Amino acid sequence: MATPECLCEQECDQALYTQLDDYIAGLDDRNRDSLIPVLHQAQELFGYLPVEVQQRIADALTLPVSEVYGVVTFYSFFSMQPRGRHTVNVCLGTACYVRGAKKVVEALKDELGVDMGETTDDRRFSLTAQRCFGACGLAPVIMVGEDVHGRITAKKIPSILSQYE
């Protein structure tokens, strides 16, 4: 069942905060040990972890906001910036790099109009990199979401991205 769209952003935010509060309230222990699961839940709900959400979590778990911020900035899974609907992740492992990953990165940056770690203005794509996907035989490799695309060249990028609306 589809969630009805809110009339305004403030109502949407309030509904998300209510879901987060309910999740935290349902925990057996609301302390430091709950922080990472709560951050995962919050990022699932909001799509990223803005300072306001971190403050709400810190208050609910009676932790200093600096501790919450420290965990968010330490783990690469967490993001303080909105992410796109699709994450384009480029492998920069040795095999991919030797076989042209640098050119693939430049072509993606040109095509998307963003730098590494950024999200397109329409929030369609976020561009990231990783050291190795374990698909060296297909180098160079990119992943769009969970989809692996191998033997990538700059010329293939527009048609690959067009598959993700």
N, C-alpha and C. Protein backbone atom coordinates (compact mmCIF):
# COMPACT_ATOMS: atom_id res chain seq x y z
N MET A 1 0.84 -1.17 0.00
CA MET A 1 0.00 0.00 0.00
C MET A 1 0.88 1.24 0.00
N ALA A 2 0.64 2.13 -0.92
CA ALA A 2 1.46 3.33 -1.04
C ALA A 2 1.15 4.31 0.08
N THR A 3 2.19 4.99 0.54
CA THR A 3 2.02 6.01 1.56
C THR A 3 1.52 7.27 0.89
N PRO A 4 0.43 7.86 1.39
CA PRO A 4 -0.05 9.10 0.77
C PRO A 4 0.96 10.22 0.96
N GLU A 5 1.05 11.09 -0.03
CA GLU A 5 2.00 12.19 0.06
C GLU A 5 1.49 13.22 1.05
N CYS A 6 2.40 13.79 1.80
CA CYS A 6 2.04 14.83 2.76
C CYS A 6 1.72 16.12 2.03
N LEU A 7 0.95 16.96 2.68
CA LEU A 7 0.61 18.25 2.10
C LEU A 7 1.78 19.22 2.14
N CYS A 8 2.64 19.03 3.09
CA CYS A 8 3.81 19.90 3.17
C CYS A 8 4.97 19.13 3.80
N GLU A 9 6.16 19.66 3.61
CA GLU A 9 7.37 18.99 4.10
C GLU A 9 7.36 18.84 5.62
N GLN A 10 6.80 19.84 6.31
CA GLN A 10 6.78 19.79 7.77
C GLN A 10 5.97 18.59 8.27
N GLU A 11 4.82 18.31 7.61
CA GLU A 11 4.01 17.15 8.01
C GLU A 11 4.77 15.86 7.74
N CYS A 12 5.48 15.79 6.63
CA CYS A 12 6.28 14.60 6.32
C CYS A 12 7.34 14.38 7.39
N ASP A 13 8.05 15.46 7.72
CA ASP A 13 9.09 15.36 8.74
C ASP A 13 8.51 14.90 10.07
N GLN A 14 7.36 15.44 10.44
CA GLN A 14 6.76 15.06 11.72
C GLN A 14 6.40 13.58 11.73
N ALA A 15 5.89 13.09 10.62
CA ALA A 15 5.54 11.66 10.54
C ALA A 15 6.80 10.80 10.67
N LEU A 16 7.90 11.23 10.07
CA LEU A 16 9.15 10.48 10.17
C LEU A 16 9.70 10.52 11.59
N TYR A 17 9.64 11.69 12.22
CA TYR A 17 10.09 11.79 13.61
C TYR A 17 9.24 10.91 14.53
N THR A 18 7.95 10.84 14.26
CA THR A 18 7.07 9.98 15.06
C THR A 18 7.46 8.52 14.90
N GLN A 19 7.76 8.10 13.67
CA GLN A 19 8.20 6.72 13.43
C GLN A 19 9.52 6.44 14.14
N LEU A 20 10.43 7.40 14.11
CA LEU A 20 11.71 7.24 14.79
C LEU A 20 11.50 7.14 16.30
N ASP A 21 10.69 8.02 16.84
CA ASP A 21 10.40 7.99 18.27
C ASP A 21 9.78 6.66 18.68
N ASP A 22 8.85 6.15 17.86
CA ASP A 22 8.21 4.86 18.15
C ASP A 22 9.23 3.73 18.13
N TYR A 23 10.15 3.78 17.17
CA TYR A 23 11.19 2.76 17.10
C TYR A 23 12.05 2.77 18.37
N ILE A 24 12.47 3.96 18.77
CA ILE A 24 13.32 4.09 19.97
C ILE A 24 12.55 3.65 21.21
N ALA A 25 11.30 4.03 21.30
CA ALA A 25 10.47 3.65 22.45
C ALA A 25 10.32 2.14 22.55
N GLY A 26 10.37 1.45 21.44
CA GLY A 26 10.21 0.00 21.42
C GLY A 26 11.46 -0.78 21.77
N LEU A 27 12.58 -0.10 21.95
CA LEU A 27 13.83 -0.76 22.30
C LEU A 27 13.83 -1.18 23.76
N ASP A 28 14.42 -2.32 24.05
CA ASP A 28 14.56 -2.76 25.43
C ASP A 28 15.49 -1.84 26.21
N ASP A 29 16.59 -1.47 25.59
CA ASP A 29 17.55 -0.58 26.22
C ASP A 29 17.73 0.64 25.35
N ARG A 30 17.62 1.81 25.93
CA ARG A 30 17.83 3.06 25.21
C ARG A 30 19.10 3.69 25.76
N ASN A 31 20.24 3.23 25.20
CA ASN A 31 21.53 3.71 25.68
C ASN A 31 22.54 3.66 24.54
N ARG A 32 23.80 3.79 24.87
CA ARG A 32 24.89 3.80 23.89
C ARG A 32 24.86 2.55 22.99
N ASP A 33 24.51 1.40 23.56
CA ASP A 33 24.49 0.16 22.77
C ASP A 33 23.44 0.18 21.66
N SER A 34 22.45 1.04 21.79
CA SER A 34 21.37 1.13 20.81
C SER A 34 21.68 2.12 19.69
N LEU A 35 22.77 2.86 19.82
CA LEU A 35 23.02 3.97 18.90
C LEU A 35 23.08 3.54 17.44
N ILE A 36 23.88 2.55 17.11
CA ILE A 36 24.02 2.19 15.69
C ILE A 36 22.72 1.66 15.10
N PRO A 37 21.98 0.77 15.78
CA PRO A 37 20.69 0.37 15.21
C PRO A 37 19.72 1.55 15.03
N VAL A 38 19.74 2.49 15.96
CA VAL A 38 18.86 3.65 15.84
C VAL A 38 19.30 4.52 14.66
N LEU A 39 20.59 4.70 14.48
CA LEU A 39 21.08 5.47 13.33
C LEU A 39 20.69 4.80 12.01
N HIS A 40 20.79 3.48 11.96
CA HIS A 40 20.37 2.75 10.75
C HIS A 40 18.89 3.01 10.47
N GLN A 41 18.07 2.91 11.50
CA GLN A 41 16.64 3.13 11.34
C GLN A 41 16.36 4.57 10.89
N ALA A 42 17.03 5.51 11.51
CA ALA A 42 16.82 6.92 11.15
C ALA A 42 17.22 7.18 9.70
N GLN A 43 18.35 6.62 9.28
CA GLN A 43 18.77 6.83 7.90
C GLN A 43 17.80 6.15 6.93
N GLU A 44 17.26 5.02 7.32
CA GLU A 44 16.25 4.35 6.49
C GLU A 44 15.02 5.24 6.34
N LEU A 45 14.62 5.87 7.41
CA LEU A 45 13.44 6.74 7.38
C LEU A 45 13.67 8.04 6.63
N PHE A 46 14.75 8.75 6.97
CA PHE A 46 14.99 10.09 6.44
C PHE A 46 15.81 10.09 5.16
N GLY A 47 16.55 9.01 4.91
CA GLY A 47 17.42 8.94 3.74
C GLY A 47 18.82 9.46 4.02
N TYR A 48 18.99 10.16 5.12
CA TYR A 48 20.28 10.68 5.56
C TYR A 48 20.11 11.11 7.01
N LEU A 49 21.19 11.60 7.62
CA LEU A 49 21.16 11.94 9.05
C LEU A 49 21.54 13.40 9.28
N PRO A 50 20.59 14.32 9.06
CA PRO A 50 20.89 15.72 9.32
C PRO A 50 21.11 15.96 10.82
N VAL A 51 21.69 17.10 11.16
CA VAL A 51 22.02 17.42 12.54
C VAL A 51 20.78 17.36 13.44
N GLU A 52 19.63 17.78 12.94
CA GLU A 52 18.40 17.78 13.73
C GLU A 52 18.02 16.35 14.15
N VAL A 53 18.20 15.41 13.26
CA VAL A 53 17.89 14.01 13.57
C VAL A 53 18.90 13.48 14.58
N GLN A 54 20.16 13.83 14.40
CA GLN A 54 21.19 13.40 15.35
C GLN A 54 20.89 13.94 16.76
N GLN A 55 20.43 15.19 16.83
CA GLN A 55 20.08 15.78 18.13
C GLN A 55 18.92 15.02 18.76
N ARG A 56 17.93 14.67 17.97
CA ARG A 56 16.75 13.93 18.47
C ARG A 56 17.19 12.58 19.02
N ILE A 57 18.08 11.91 18.32
CA ILE A 57 18.59 10.60 18.76
C ILE A 57 19.40 10.76 20.05
N ALA A 58 20.27 11.76 20.08
CA ALA A 58 21.08 12.00 21.28
C ALA A 58 20.18 12.23 22.49
N ASP A 59 19.15 13.04 22.33
CA ASP A 59 18.23 13.31 23.44
C ASP A 59 17.51 12.03 23.88
N ALA A 60 17.05 11.25 22.91
CA ALA A 60 16.29 10.03 23.24
C ALA A 60 17.15 8.98 23.93
N LEU A 61 18.44 8.93 23.58
CA LEU A 61 19.33 7.92 24.16
C LEU A 61 20.18 8.49 25.30
N THR A 62 19.91 9.73 25.66
CA THR A 62 20.67 10.46 26.69
C THR A 62 22.18 10.36 26.45
N LEU A 63 22.56 10.74 25.25
CA LEU A 63 23.97 10.78 24.85
C LEU A 63 24.31 12.20 24.41
N PRO A 64 25.56 12.56 24.51
CA PRO A 64 25.95 13.86 23.96
C PRO A 64 25.83 13.82 22.43
N VAL A 65 25.36 14.90 21.84
CA VAL A 65 25.22 14.94 20.39
C VAL A 65 26.57 14.76 19.71
N SER A 66 27.64 15.15 20.37
CA SER A 66 28.99 14.97 19.80
C SER A 66 29.32 13.49 19.62
N GLU A 67 28.82 12.64 20.50
CA GLU A 67 29.06 11.21 20.37
C GLU A 67 28.30 10.64 19.17
N VAL A 68 27.05 11.08 19.02
CA VAL A 68 26.24 10.65 17.87
C VAL A 68 26.92 11.11 16.58
N TYR A 69 27.32 12.36 16.53
CA TYR A 69 28.00 12.92 15.37
C TYR A 69 29.29 12.16 15.06
N GLY A 70 30.02 11.82 16.10
CA GLY A 70 31.27 11.06 15.91
C GLY A 70 31.04 9.71 15.24
N VAL A 71 29.98 9.03 15.63
CA VAL A 71 29.66 7.73 15.02
C VAL A 71 29.21 7.93 13.58
N VAL A 72 28.36 8.93 13.35
CA VAL A 72 27.86 9.19 12.00
C VAL A 72 29.01 9.51 11.04
N THR A 73 29.96 10.31 11.49
CA THR A 73 31.06 10.70 10.60
C THR A 73 32.14 9.63 10.50
N PHE A 74 32.19 8.70 11.44
CA PHE A 74 33.20 7.64 11.40
C PHE A 74 32.84 6.56 10.38
N TYR A 75 31.59 6.14 10.37
CA TYR A 75 31.17 5.05 9.49
C TYR A 75 30.70 5.57 8.14
N SER A 76 31.29 5.05 7.06
CA SER A 76 30.96 5.54 5.72
C SER A 76 29.54 5.20 5.29
N PHE A 77 28.91 4.24 5.95
CA PHE A 77 27.54 3.90 5.59
C PHE A 77 26.58 5.06 5.87
N PHE A 78 26.88 5.81 6.92
CA PHE A 78 26.00 6.91 7.31
C PHE A 78 26.32 8.15 6.50
N SER A 79 25.28 8.92 6.19
CA SER A 79 25.46 10.13 5.40
C SER A 79 24.73 11.29 6.06
N MET A 80 25.39 12.44 6.06
CA MET A 80 24.76 13.66 6.57
C MET A 80 24.17 14.49 5.43
N GLN A 81 24.34 14.01 4.21
CA GLN A 81 23.80 14.71 3.04
C GLN A 81 22.75 13.82 2.38
N PRO A 82 21.71 14.42 1.82
CA PRO A 82 20.70 13.61 1.11
C PRO A 82 21.36 12.81 -0.01
N ARG A 83 20.91 11.60 -0.17
CA ARG A 83 21.43 10.74 -1.24
C ARG A 83 20.40 10.62 -2.35
N GLY A 84 20.90 10.26 -3.51
CA GLY A 84 20.02 10.07 -4.64
C GLY A 84 19.26 8.75 -4.55
N ARG A 85 18.25 8.63 -5.40
CA ARG A 85 17.48 7.38 -5.44
C ARG A 85 18.36 6.20 -5.84
N HIS A 86 19.38 6.49 -6.64
CA HIS A 86 20.30 5.46 -7.12
C HIS A 86 21.73 5.87 -6.77
N THR A 87 22.47 4.96 -6.15
CA THR A 87 23.87 5.22 -5.86
C THR A 87 24.71 4.57 -6.95
N VAL A 88 25.53 5.38 -7.60
CA VAL A 88 26.47 4.88 -8.60
C VAL A 88 27.81 4.77 -7.88
N ASN A 89 28.24 3.54 -7.70
CA ASN A 89 29.46 3.25 -6.95
C ASN A 89 30.51 2.71 -7.91
N VAL A 90 31.64 3.37 -7.98
CA VAL A 90 32.71 3.00 -8.90
C VAL A 90 33.78 2.22 -8.15
N CYS A 91 34.18 1.10 -8.70
CA CYS A 91 35.28 0.33 -8.11
C CYS A 91 36.60 1.00 -8.47
N LEU A 92 37.41 1.26 -7.44
CA LEU A 92 38.73 1.83 -7.66
C LEU A 92 39.83 0.89 -7.19
N GLY A 93 39.51 -0.41 -7.16
CA GLY A 93 40.52 -1.41 -6.83
C GLY A 93 41.58 -1.46 -7.92
N THR A 94 42.65 -2.18 -7.66
CA THR A 94 43.79 -2.20 -8.57
C THR A 94 43.42 -2.63 -9.99
N ALA A 95 42.70 -3.73 -10.14
CA ALA A 95 42.35 -4.21 -11.48
C ALA A 95 41.50 -3.18 -12.23
N CYS A 96 40.50 -2.63 -11.55
CA CYS A 96 39.65 -1.63 -12.20
C CYS A 96 40.42 -0.37 -12.54
N TYR A 97 41.29 0.05 -11.63
CA TYR A 97 42.05 1.26 -11.86
C TYR A 97 42.98 1.10 -13.08
N VAL A 98 43.66 -0.04 -13.13
CA VAL A 98 44.58 -0.32 -14.23
C VAL A 98 43.83 -0.39 -15.56
N ARG A 99 42.60 -0.87 -15.52
CA ARG A 99 41.82 -1.03 -16.75
C ARG A 99 40.93 0.17 -17.06
N GLY A 100 41.15 1.31 -16.43
CA GLY A 100 40.48 2.53 -16.87
C GLY A 100 39.43 3.12 -15.94
N ALA A 101 39.42 2.76 -14.67
CA ALA A 101 38.41 3.30 -13.75
C ALA A 101 38.50 4.83 -13.64
N LYS A 102 39.70 5.37 -13.76
CA LYS A 102 39.85 6.83 -13.65
C LYS A 102 39.07 7.52 -14.77
N LYS A 103 39.12 6.99 -15.98
CA LYS A 103 38.36 7.56 -17.09
C LYS A 103 36.85 7.39 -16.86
N VAL A 104 36.47 6.27 -16.27
CA VAL A 104 35.05 6.02 -15.96
C VAL A 104 34.56 7.05 -14.94
N VAL A 105 35.36 7.31 -13.92
CA VAL A 105 35.00 8.32 -12.92
C VAL A 105 34.82 9.67 -13.58
N GLU A 106 35.75 10.07 -14.41
CA GLU A 106 35.66 11.38 -15.08
C GLU A 106 34.42 11.46 -15.96
N ALA A 107 34.11 10.38 -16.68
CA ALA A 107 32.92 10.36 -17.54
C ALA A 107 31.65 10.44 -16.70
N LEU A 108 31.61 9.75 -15.57
CA LEU A 108 30.44 9.81 -14.69
C LEU A 108 30.27 11.21 -14.11
N LYS A 109 31.38 11.82 -13.69
CA LYS A 109 31.31 13.18 -13.14
C LYS A 109 30.78 14.15 -14.20
N ASP A 110 31.24 14.00 -15.43
CA ASP A 110 30.76 14.86 -16.52
C ASP A 110 29.29 14.61 -16.82
N GLU A 111 28.91 13.37 -16.92
CA GLU A 111 27.53 13.00 -17.26
C GLU A 111 26.54 13.44 -16.18
N LEU A 112 26.92 13.26 -14.92
CA LEU A 112 26.03 13.58 -13.80
C LEU A 112 26.14 15.03 -13.35
N GLY A 113 27.25 15.66 -13.65
CA GLY A 113 27.45 17.04 -13.22
C GLY A 113 27.72 17.18 -11.73
N VAL A 114 28.32 16.14 -11.14
CA VAL A 114 28.65 16.16 -9.72
C VAL A 114 30.05 15.61 -9.52
N ASP A 115 30.61 15.90 -8.36
CA ASP A 115 31.90 15.32 -7.98
C ASP A 115 31.66 14.08 -7.14
N MET A 116 32.71 13.35 -6.88
CA MET A 116 32.64 12.16 -6.04
C MET A 116 32.07 12.54 -4.67
N GLY A 117 31.12 11.76 -4.19
CA GLY A 117 30.50 12.00 -2.89
C GLY A 117 29.30 12.93 -2.95
N GLU A 118 28.96 13.43 -4.13
CA GLU A 118 27.84 14.37 -4.26
C GLU A 118 26.61 13.70 -4.87
N THR A 119 25.51 14.42 -4.80
CA THR A 119 24.23 13.96 -5.32
C THR A 119 23.74 14.96 -6.37
N THR A 120 23.14 14.44 -7.43
CA THR A 120 22.61 15.32 -8.47
C THR A 120 21.50 16.19 -7.89
N ASP A 121 21.28 17.36 -8.49
CA ASP A 121 20.27 18.30 -8.00
C ASP A 121 18.87 17.68 -7.95
N ASP A 122 18.58 16.78 -8.89
CA ASP A 122 17.26 16.15 -8.90
C ASP A 122 17.17 14.94 -7.95
N ARG A 123 18.25 14.69 -7.22
CA ARG A 123 18.37 13.58 -6.26
C ARG A 123 18.11 12.22 -6.93
N ARG A 124 18.46 12.14 -8.19
CA ARG A 124 18.34 10.87 -8.91
C ARG A 124 19.54 9.97 -8.64
N PHE A 125 20.76 10.56 -8.64
CA PHE A 125 21.98 9.77 -8.48
C PHE A 125 22.90 10.39 -7.42
N SER A 126 23.59 9.51 -6.70
CA SER A 126 24.73 9.88 -5.86
C SER A 126 25.93 9.14 -6.40
N LEU A 127 27.08 9.79 -6.43
CA LEU A 127 28.30 9.19 -6.97
C LEU A 127 29.27 8.89 -5.83
N THR A 128 29.65 7.62 -5.72
CA THR A 128 30.57 7.18 -4.67
C THR A 128 31.61 6.25 -5.27
N ALA A 129 32.59 5.88 -4.46
CA ALA A 129 33.64 4.95 -4.89
C ALA A 129 33.92 3.97 -3.76
N GLN A 130 34.47 2.84 -4.15
CA GLN A 130 34.83 1.81 -3.19
C GLN A 130 36.13 1.18 -3.69
N ARG A 131 36.89 0.59 -2.81
CA ARG A 131 38.19 0.05 -3.19
C ARG A 131 38.13 -1.25 -3.98
N CYS A 132 37.21 -2.14 -3.73
CA CYS A 132 37.14 -3.38 -4.49
C CYS A 132 35.77 -4.01 -4.37
N PHE A 133 35.22 -4.45 -5.49
CA PHE A 133 33.93 -5.14 -5.49
C PHE A 133 34.11 -6.66 -5.56
N GLY A 134 35.33 -7.11 -5.81
CA GLY A 134 35.56 -8.54 -5.95
C GLY A 134 35.10 -9.06 -7.31
N ALA A 135 35.06 -8.19 -8.30
CA ALA A 135 34.65 -8.58 -9.65
C ALA A 135 35.76 -8.20 -10.63
N CYS A 136 36.98 -8.53 -10.27
CA CYS A 136 38.15 -8.09 -11.03
C CYS A 136 38.13 -8.55 -12.48
N GLY A 137 37.55 -9.69 -12.74
CA GLY A 137 37.48 -10.20 -14.11
C GLY A 137 36.61 -9.36 -15.01
N LEU A 138 35.77 -8.50 -14.43
CA LEU A 138 34.88 -7.64 -15.20
C LEU A 138 35.37 -6.19 -15.26
N ALA A 139 36.57 -5.95 -14.76
CA ALA A 139 37.08 -4.58 -14.62
C ALA A 139 37.09 -3.82 -15.94
N PRO A 140 36.85 -2.51 -15.86
CA PRO A 140 36.39 -1.73 -14.72
C PRO A 140 34.89 -1.95 -14.46
N VAL A 141 34.51 -1.82 -13.20
CA VAL A 141 33.16 -2.16 -12.75
C VAL A 141 32.53 -0.97 -12.04
N ILE A 142 31.22 -0.79 -12.28
CA ILE A 142 30.43 0.13 -11.46
C ILE A 142 29.21 -0.64 -10.97
N MET A 143 28.66 -0.18 -9.88
CA MET A 143 27.39 -0.71 -9.38
C MET A 143 26.42 0.45 -9.32
N VAL A 144 25.22 0.21 -9.80
CA VAL A 144 24.14 1.17 -9.65
C VAL A 144 23.13 0.46 -8.76
N GLY A 145 23.05 0.90 -7.51
CA GLY A 145 22.27 0.15 -6.53
C GLY A 145 22.94 -1.20 -6.33
N GLU A 146 22.19 -2.25 -6.58
CA GLU A 146 22.71 -3.62 -6.45
C GLU A 146 23.13 -4.22 -7.79
N ASP A 147 22.93 -3.47 -8.87
CA ASP A 147 23.23 -3.97 -10.22
C ASP A 147 24.70 -3.74 -10.56
N VAL A 148 25.38 -4.82 -10.95
CA VAL A 148 26.78 -4.75 -11.33
C VAL A 148 26.88 -4.58 -12.84
N HIS A 149 27.68 -3.62 -13.27
CA HIS A 149 27.94 -3.38 -14.69
C HIS A 149 29.44 -3.48 -14.90
N GLY A 150 29.85 -4.43 -15.74
CA GLY A 150 31.27 -4.68 -15.96
C GLY A 150 31.75 -4.26 -17.33
N ARG A 151 33.09 -4.21 -17.44
CA ARG A 151 33.77 -3.80 -18.67
C ARG A 151 33.24 -2.44 -19.15
N ILE A 152 33.18 -1.52 -18.23
CA ILE A 152 32.62 -0.19 -18.48
C ILE A 152 33.60 0.67 -19.25
N THR A 153 33.06 1.42 -20.19
CA THR A 153 33.81 2.46 -20.88
C THR A 153 33.00 3.75 -20.75
N ALA A 154 33.64 4.85 -21.03
CA ALA A 154 32.95 6.14 -20.96
C ALA A 154 31.74 6.17 -21.89
N LYS A 155 31.84 5.52 -23.03
CA LYS A 155 30.75 5.52 -24.01
C LYS A 155 29.51 4.77 -23.51
N LYS A 156 29.68 3.81 -22.61
CA LYS A 156 28.56 3.02 -22.11
C LYS A 156 27.75 3.73 -21.01
N ILE A 157 28.34 4.73 -20.42
CA ILE A 157 27.73 5.34 -19.24
C ILE A 157 26.34 5.94 -19.50
N PRO A 158 26.14 6.74 -20.56
CA PRO A 158 24.80 7.30 -20.76
C PRO A 158 23.70 6.23 -20.88
N SER A 159 23.98 5.15 -21.58
CA SER A 159 22.94 4.12 -21.73
C SER A 159 22.69 3.37 -20.42
N ILE A 160 23.74 3.19 -19.63
CA ILE A 160 23.55 2.53 -18.32
C ILE A 160 22.70 3.42 -17.42
N LEU A 161 23.04 4.69 -17.33
CA LEU A 161 22.31 5.60 -16.45
C LEU A 161 20.85 5.77 -16.89
N SER A 162 20.60 5.69 -18.19
CA SER A 162 19.23 5.86 -18.69
C SER A 162 18.30 4.75 -18.23
N GLN A 163 18.86 3.64 -17.75
CA GLN A 163 18.03 2.53 -17.25
C GLN A 163 17.44 2.83 -15.87
N TYR A 164 17.90 3.89 -15.24
CA TYR A 164 17.50 4.19 -13.87
C TYR A 164 16.79 5.53 -13.79
N GLU A 165 15.50 5.49 -13.88
CA GLU A 165 14.69 6.74 -13.83
C GLU A 165 14.19 7.03 -12.45
